[in-house]
Amino acid sequence: LFEETGLALGVPGTWPVAPPEGWAGFAARG
């Protein structure tokens, strides 16, 4: 959903681990 539309289903928060491949952009939004 995030890749194809730019829409994120998420809540503010810090990742407890480094974002895996494909998730950097999601995590970069906090």
ModelCIF file with pLDDT and N, C-alpha, C, O atoms, coordinates in Angstrom:
data_MODEL
#
_entry.id   MODEL 
#
_entity.id                         1 
_entity.type                       polymer 
_entity.pdbx_number_of_molecules   1 
#
_entity_poly.entity_id                      1 
_entity_poly.type                           'polypeptide(L)' 
_entity_poly.nstd_linkage                   no 
_entity_poly.nstd_monomer                   no 
_entity_poly.pdbx_seq_one_letter_code       LFEETGLALGVPGTWPVAPPEGWAGFAARG 
_entity_poly.pdbx_seq_one_letter_code_can   LFEETGLALGVPGTWPVAPPEGWAGFAARG 
_entity_poly.pdbx_strand_id                 A 
#
loop_
_entity_poly_seq.entity_id 
_entity_poly_seq.num 
_entity_poly_seq.mon_id 
_entity_poly_seq.hetero 
1 1  LEU n 
1 2  PHE n 
1 3  GLU n 
1 4  GLU n 
1 5  THR n 
1 6  GLY n 
1 7  LEU n 
1 8  ALA n 
1 9  LEU n 
1 10 GLY n 
1 11 VAL n 
1 12 PRO n 
1 13 GLY n 
1 14 THR n 
1 15 TRP n 
1 16 PRO n 
1 17 VAL n 
1 18 ALA n 
1 19 PRO n 
1 20 PRO n 
1 21 GLU n 
1 22 GLY n 
1 23 TRP n 
1 24 ALA n 
1 25 GLY n 
1 26 PHE n 
1 27 ALA n 
1 28 ALA n 
1 29 ARG n 
1 30 GLY n 
#
_struct_asym.id          A 
_struct_asym.entity_id   1 
#
loop_
_ma_qa_metric.id 
_ma_qa_metric.mode 
_ma_qa_metric.name 
_ma_qa_metric.software_group_id 
_ma_qa_metric.type 
1 global pLDDT . pLDDT 
2 local  pLDDT . pLDDT 
#
_ma_qa_metric_global.metric_id      1 
_ma_qa_metric_global.metric_value   95.80 
_ma_qa_metric_global.model_id       1 
_ma_qa_metric_global.ordinal_id     1 
#
loop_
_ma_qa_metric_local.label_asym_id 
_ma_qa_metric_local.label_comp_id 
_ma_qa_metric_local.label_seq_id 
_ma_qa_metric_local.metric_id 
_ma_qa_metric_local.metric_value 
_ma_qa_metric_local.model_id 
_ma_qa_metric_local.ordinal_id 
A LEU 1  2 98.00 1 1  
A PHE 2  2 97.00 1 2  
A GLU 3  2 96.00 1 3  
A GLU 4  2 96.00 1 4  
A THR 5  2 97.00 1 5  
A GLY 6  2 97.00 1 6  
A LEU 7  2 98.00 1 7  
A ALA 8  2 98.00 1 8  
A LEU 9  2 98.00 1 9  
A GLY 10 2 97.00 1 10 
A VAL 11 2 97.00 1 11 
A PRO 12 2 97.00 1 12 
A GLY 13 2 96.00 1 13 
A THR 14 2 95.00 1 14 
A TRP 15 2 96.00 1 15 
A PRO 16 2 95.00 1 16 
A VAL 17 2 93.00 1 17 
A ALA 18 2 95.00 1 18 
A PRO 19 2 96.00 1 19 
A PRO 20 2 93.00 1 20 
A GLU 21 2 89.00 1 21 
A GLY 22 2 91.00 1 22 
A TRP 23 2 96.00 1 23 
A ALA 24 2 95.00 1 24 
A GLY 25 2 95.00 1 25 
A PHE 26 2 97.00 1 26 
A ALA 27 2 97.00 1 27 
A ALA 28 2 96.00 1 28 
A ARG 29 2 96.00 1 29 
A GLY 30 2 97.00 1 30 
#
loop_
_atom_site.group_PDB 
_atom_site.id 
_atom_site.type_symbol 
_atom_site.label_atom_id 
_atom_site.label_alt_id 
_atom_site.label_comp_id 
_atom_site.label_asym_id 
_atom_site.label_entity_id 
_atom_site.label_seq_id 
_atom_site.pdbx_PDB_ins_code 
_atom_site.Cartn_x 
_atom_site.Cartn_y 
_atom_site.Cartn_z 
_atom_site.occupancy 
_atom_site.B_iso_or_equiv 
_atom_site.pdbx_formal_charge 
_atom_site.auth_seq_id 
_atom_site.auth_comp_id 
_atom_site.auth_asym_id 
_atom_site.auth_atom_id 
_atom_site.pdbx_PDB_model_num 
ATOM 1   N N  . LEU A 1 1  ? 0.839  -1.199 0.000  1.00 98.00 ? 1  LEU A N  1 
ATOM 2   C CA . LEU A 1 1  ? 0.000  0.000  0.000  1.00 98.00 ? 1  LEU A CA 1 
ATOM 3   C C  . LEU A 1 1  ? 0.872  1.247  0.000  1.00 98.00 ? 1  LEU A C  1 
ATOM 4   O O  . LEU A 1 1  ? 0.614  2.187  -0.752 1.00 98.00 ? 1  LEU A O  1 
ATOM 5   N N  . PHE A 1 2  ? 1.902  1.261  0.837  1.00 97.00 ? 2  PHE A N  1 
ATOM 6   C CA . PHE A 1 2  ? 2.781  2.421  0.936  1.00 97.00 ? 2  PHE A CA 1 
ATOM 7   C C  . PHE A 1 2  ? 3.549  2.646  -0.368 1.00 97.00 ? 2  PHE A C  1 
ATOM 8   O O  . PHE A 1 2  ? 3.649  3.775  -0.849 1.00 97.00 ? 2  PHE A O  1 
ATOM 9   N N  . GLU A 1 3  ? 4.089  1.568  -0.935 1.00 96.00 ? 3  GLU A N  1 
ATOM 10  C CA . GLU A 1 3  ? 4.878  1.699  -2.165 1.00 96.00 ? 3  GLU A CA 1 
ATOM 11  C C  . GLU A 1 3  ? 4.023  2.172  -3.340 1.00 96.00 ? 3  GLU A C  1 
ATOM 12  O O  . GLU A 1 3  ? 4.432  3.051  -4.099 1.00 96.00 ? 3  GLU A O  1 
ATOM 13  N N  . GLU A 1 4  ? 2.842  1.587  -3.485 1.00 96.00 ? 4  GLU A N  1 
ATOM 14  C CA . GLU A 1 4  ? 2.030  1.833  -4.681 1.00 96.00 ? 4  GLU A CA 1 
ATOM 15  C C  . GLU A 1 4  ? 1.142  3.064  -4.599 1.00 96.00 ? 4  GLU A C  1 
ATOM 16  O O  . GLU A 1 4  ? 0.690  3.569  -5.626 1.00 96.00 ? 4  GLU A O  1 
ATOM 17  N N  . THR A 1 5  ? 0.885  3.556  -3.380 1.00 97.00 ? 5  THR A N  1 
ATOM 18  C CA . THR A 1 5  ? 0.011  4.717  -3.234 1.00 97.00 ? 5  THR A CA 1 
ATOM 19  C C  . THR A 1 5  ? 0.644  5.861  -2.459 1.00 97.00 ? 5  THR A C  1 
ATOM 20  O O  . THR A 1 5  ? 0.193  7.002  -2.563 1.00 97.00 ? 5  THR A O  1 
ATOM 21  N N  . GLY A 1 6  ? 1.688  5.571  -1.681 1.00 97.00 ? 6  GLY A N  1 
ATOM 22  C CA . GLY A 1 6  ? 2.277  6.590  -0.810 1.00 97.00 ? 6  GLY A CA 1 
ATOM 23  C C  . GLY A 1 6  ? 1.521  6.760  0.493  1.00 97.00 ? 6  GLY A C  1 
ATOM 24  O O  . GLY A 1 6  ? 1.880  7.616  1.301  1.00 97.00 ? 6  GLY A O  1 
ATOM 25  N N  . LEU A 1 7  ? 0.473  5.960  0.720  1.00 98.00 ? 7  LEU A N  1 
ATOM 26  C CA . LEU A 1 7  ? -0.323 6.055  1.940  1.00 98.00 ? 7  LEU A CA 1 
ATOM 27  C C  . LEU A 1 7  ? 0.199  5.075  2.990  1.00 98.00 ? 7  LEU A C  1 
ATOM 28  O O  . LEU A 1 7  ? 0.489  3.917  2.690  1.00 98.00 ? 7  LEU A O  1 
ATOM 29  N N  . ALA A 1 8  ? 0.311  5.561  4.222  1.00 98.00 ? 8  ALA A N  1 
ATOM 30  C CA . ALA A 1 8  ? 0.848  4.732  5.300  1.00 98.00 ? 8  ALA A CA 1 
ATOM 31  C C  . ALA A 1 8  ? -0.204 4.482  6.367  1.00 98.00 ? 8  ALA A C  1 
ATOM 32  O O  . ALA A 1 8  ? -0.795 5.420  6.903  1.00 98.00 ? 8  ALA A O  1 
ATOM 33  N N  . LEU A 1 9  ? -0.431 3.217  6.669  1.00 98.00 ? 9  LEU A N  1 
ATOM 34  C CA . LEU A 1 9  ? -1.256 2.848  7.814  1.00 98.00 ? 9  LEU A CA 1 
ATOM 35  C C  . LEU A 1 9  ? -0.299 2.662  8.984  1.00 98.00 ? 9  LEU A C  1 
ATOM 36  O O  . LEU A 1 9  ? 0.297  1.597  9.146  1.00 98.00 ? 9  LEU A O  1 
ATOM 37  N N  . GLY A 1 10 ? -0.157 3.706  9.798  1.00 97.00 ? 10 GLY A N  1 
ATOM 38  C CA . GLY A 1 10 ? 0.828  3.645  10.861 1.00 97.00 ? 10 GLY A CA 1 
ATOM 39  C C  . GLY A 1 10 ? 0.567  4.662  11.946 1.00 97.00 ? 10 GLY A C  1 
ATOM 40  O O  . GLY A 1 10 ? -0.311 5.518  11.835 1.00 97.00 ? 10 GLY A O  1 
ATOM 41  N N  . VAL A 1 11 ? 1.355  4.543  13.000 1.00 97.00 ? 11 VAL A N  1 
ATOM 42  C CA . VAL A 1 11 ? 1.290  5.472  14.131 1.00 97.00 ? 11 VAL A CA 1 
ATOM 43  C C  . VAL A 1 11 ? 2.695  5.989  14.396 1.00 97.00 ? 11 VAL A C  1 
ATOM 44  O O  . VAL A 1 11 ? 3.670  5.304  14.086 1.00 97.00 ? 11 VAL A O  1 
ATOM 45  N N  . PRO A 1 12 ? 2.818  7.187  14.966 1.00 97.00 ? 12 PRO A N  1 
ATOM 46  C CA . PRO A 1 12 ? 4.150  7.712  15.274 1.00 97.00 ? 12 PRO A CA 1 
ATOM 47  C C  . PRO A 1 12 ? 4.897  6.789  16.233 1.00 97.00 ? 12 PRO A C  1 
ATOM 48  O O  . PRO A 1 12 ? 4.332  6.270  17.196 1.00 97.00 ? 12 PRO A O  1 
ATOM 49  N N  . GLY A 1 13 ? 6.167  6.602  15.945 1.00 96.00 ? 13 GLY A N  1 
ATOM 50  C CA . GLY A 1 13 ? 6.969  5.746  16.814 1.00 96.00 ? 13 GLY A CA 1 
ATOM 51  C C  . GLY A 1 13 ? 8.345  5.481  16.240 1.00 96.00 ? 13 GLY A C  1 
ATOM 52  O O  . GLY A 1 13 ? 8.580  5.639  15.042 1.00 96.00 ? 13 GLY A O  1 
ATOM 53  N N  . THR A 1 14 ? 9.249  5.077  17.114 1.00 95.00 ? 14 THR A N  1 
ATOM 54  C CA . THR A 1 14 ? 10.615 4.753  16.722 1.00 95.00 ? 14 THR A CA 1 
ATOM 55  C C  . THR A 1 14 ? 10.746 3.250  16.542 1.00 95.00 ? 14 THR A C  1 
ATOM 56  O O  . THR A 1 14 ? 10.293 2.477  17.386 1.00 95.00 ? 14 THR A O  1 
ATOM 57  N N  . TRP A 1 15 ? 11.357 2.843  15.458 1.00 96.00 ? 15 TRP A N  1 
ATOM 58  C CA . TRP A 1 15 ? 11.536 1.418  15.206 1.00 96.00 ? 15 TRP A CA 1 
ATOM 59  C C  . TRP A 1 15 ? 12.538 0.828  16.206 1.00 96.00 ? 15 TRP A C  1 
ATOM 60  O O  . TRP A 1 15 ? 13.592 1.418  16.440 1.00 96.00 ? 15 TRP A O  1 
ATOM 61  N N  . PRO A 1 16 ? 12.219 -0.333 16.798 1.00 95.00 ? 16 PRO A N  1 
ATOM 62  C CA . PRO A 1 16 ? 13.144 -0.951 17.756 1.00 95.00 ? 16 PRO A CA 1 
ATOM 63  C C  . PRO A 1 16 ? 14.343 -1.611 17.081 1.00 95.00 ? 16 PRO A C  1 
ATOM 64  O O  . PRO A 1 16 ? 15.325 -1.947 17.743 1.00 95.00 ? 16 PRO A O  1 
ATOM 65  N N  . VAL A 1 17 ? 14.261 -1.796 15.760 1.00 93.00 ? 17 VAL A N  1 
ATOM 66  C CA . VAL A 1 17 ? 15.350 -2.388 14.974 1.00 93.00 ? 17 VAL A CA 1 
ATOM 67  C C  . VAL A 1 17 ? 15.504 -1.556 13.706 1.00 93.00 ? 17 VAL A C  1 
ATOM 68  O O  . VAL A 1 17 ? 14.639 -0.743 13.380 1.00 93.00 ? 17 VAL A O  1 
ATOM 69  N N  . ALA A 1 18 ? 16.603 -1.763 12.997 1.00 95.00 ? 18 ALA A N  1 
ATOM 70  C CA . ALA A 1 18 ? 16.778 -1.075 11.721 1.00 95.00 ? 18 ALA A CA 1 
ATOM 71  C C  . ALA A 1 18 ? 15.713 -1.554 10.746 1.00 95.00 ? 18 ALA A C  1 
ATOM 72  O O  . ALA A 1 18 ? 15.475 -2.758 10.648 1.00 95.00 ? 18 ALA A O  1 
ATOM 73  N N  . PRO A 1 19 ? 15.062 -0.644 10.022 1.00 96.00 ? 19 PRO A N  1 
ATOM 74  C CA . PRO A 1 19 ? 14.025 -1.059 9.072  1.00 96.00 ? 19 PRO A CA 1 
ATOM 75  C C  . PRO A 1 19 ? 14.590 -2.017 8.032  1.00 96.00 ? 19 PRO A C  1 
ATOM 76  O O  . PRO A 1 19 ? 15.639 -1.739 7.450  1.00 96.00 ? 19 PRO A O  1 
ATOM 77  N N  . PRO A 1 20 ? 13.917 -3.142 7.785  1.00 93.00 ? 20 PRO A N  1 
ATOM 78  C CA . PRO A 1 20 ? 14.393 -4.075 6.759  1.00 93.00 ? 20 PRO A CA 1 
ATOM 79  C C  . PRO A 1 20 ? 14.194 -3.494 5.365  1.00 93.00 ? 20 PRO A C  1 
ATOM 80  O O  . PRO A 1 20 ? 13.591 -2.433 5.202  1.00 93.00 ? 20 PRO A O  1 
ATOM 81  N N  . GLU A 1 21 ? 14.704 -4.194 4.373  1.00 89.00 ? 21 GLU A N  1 
ATOM 82  C CA . GLU A 1 21 ? 14.624 -3.736 2.990  1.00 89.00 ? 21 GLU A CA 1 
ATOM 83  C C  . GLU A 1 21 ? 13.177 -3.445 2.589  1.00 89.00 ? 21 GLU A C  1 
ATOM 84  O O  . GLU A 1 21 ? 12.277 -4.244 2.846  1.00 89.00 ? 21 GLU A O  1 
ATOM 85  N N  . GLY A 1 22 ? 12.971 -2.293 1.959  1.00 91.00 ? 22 GLY A N  1 
ATOM 86  C CA . GLY A 1 22 ? 11.647 -1.913 1.514  1.00 91.00 ? 22 GLY A CA 1 
ATOM 87  C C  . GLY A 1 22 ? 10.865 -1.081 2.508  1.00 91.00 ? 22 GLY A C  1 
ATOM 88  O O  . GLY A 1 22 ? 9.767  -0.617 2.197  1.00 91.00 ? 22 GLY A O  1 
ATOM 89  N N  . TRP A 1 23 ? 11.412 -0.883 3.699  1.00 96.00 ? 23 TRP A N  1 
ATOM 90  C CA . TRP A 1 23 ? 10.687 -0.179 4.755  1.00 96.00 ? 23 TRP A CA 1 
ATOM 91  C C  . TRP A 1 23 ? 11.337 1.131  5.184  1.00 96.00 ? 23 TRP A C  1 
ATOM 92  O O  . TRP A 1 23 ? 10.835 1.795  6.091  1.00 96.00 ? 23 TRP A O  1 
ATOM 93  N N  . ALA A 1 24 ? 12.428 1.512  4.562  1.00 95.00 ? 24 ALA A N  1 
ATOM 94  C CA . ALA A 1 24 ? 13.142 2.728  4.970  1.00 95.00 ? 24 ALA A CA 1 
ATOM 95  C C  . ALA A 1 24 ? 12.269 3.968  4.831  1.00 95.00 ? 24 ALA A C  1 
ATOM 96  O O  . ALA A 1 24 ? 12.267 4.825  5.714  1.00 95.00 ? 24 ALA A O  1 
ATOM 97  N N  . GLY A 1 25 ? 11.528 4.073  3.730  1.00 95.00 ? 25 GLY A N  1 
ATOM 98  C CA . GLY A 1 25 ? 10.687 5.236  3.505  1.00 95.00 ? 25 GLY A CA 1 
ATOM 99  C C  . GLY A 1 25 ? 9.577  5.350  4.536  1.00 95.00 ? 25 GLY A C  1 
ATOM 100 O O  . GLY A 1 25 ? 9.250  6.450  4.983  1.00 95.00 ? 25 GLY A O  1 
ATOM 101 N N  . PHE A 1 26 ? 9.003  4.229  4.909  1.00 97.00 ? 26 PHE A N  1 
ATOM 102 C CA . PHE A 1 26 ? 7.953  4.203  5.926  1.00 97.00 ? 26 PHE A CA 1 
ATOM 103 C C  . PHE A 1 26 ? 8.509  4.710  7.254  1.00 97.00 ? 26 PHE A C  1 
ATOM 104 O O  . PHE A 1 26 ? 7.914  5.566  7.907  1.00 97.00 ? 26 PHE A O  1 
ATOM 105 N N  . ALA A 1 27 ? 9.674  4.157  7.642  1.00 97.00 ? 27 ALA A N  1 
ATOM 106 C CA . ALA A 1 27 ? 10.290 4.547  8.913  1.00 97.00 ? 27 ALA A CA 1 
ATOM 107 C C  . ALA A 1 27 ? 10.750 5.993  8.904  1.00 97.00 ? 27 ALA A C  1 
ATOM 108 O O  . ALA A 1 27 ? 10.735 6.660  9.939  1.00 97.00 ? 27 ALA A O  1 
ATOM 109 N N  . ALA A 1 28 ? 11.163 6.485  7.729  1.00 96.00 ? 28 ALA A N  1 
ATOM 110 C CA . ALA A 1 28 ? 11.637 7.866  7.616  1.00 96.00 ? 28 ALA A CA 1 
ATOM 111 C C  . ALA A 1 28 ? 10.537 8.881  7.929  1.00 96.00 ? 28 ALA A C  1 
ATOM 112 O O  . ALA A 1 28 ? 10.834 10.028 8.263  1.00 96.00 ? 28 ALA A O  1 
ATOM 113 N N  . ARG A 1 29 ? 9.310  8.484  7.828  1.00 96.00 ? 29 ARG A N  1 
ATOM 114 C CA . ARG A 1 29 ? 8.194  9.370  8.181  1.00 96.00 ? 29 ARG A CA 1 
ATOM 115 C C  . ARG A 1 29 ? 7.943  9.380  9.687  1.00 96.00 ? 29 ARG A C  1 
ATOM 116 O O  . ARG A 1 29 ? 7.039  10.064 10.165 1.00 96.00 ? 29 ARG A O  1 
ATOM 117 N N  . GLY A 1 30 ? 8.745  8.622  10.431 1.00 97.00 ? 30 GLY A N  1 
ATOM 118 C CA . GLY A 1 30 ? 8.544  8.538  11.870 1.00 97.00 ? 30 GLY A CA 1 
ATOM 119 C C  . GLY A 1 30 ? 7.354  7.701  12.253 1.00 97.00 ? 30 GLY A C  1 
ATOM 120 O O  . GLY A 1 30 ? 7.065  7.544  13.439 1.00 97.00 ? 30 GLY A O  1 
#
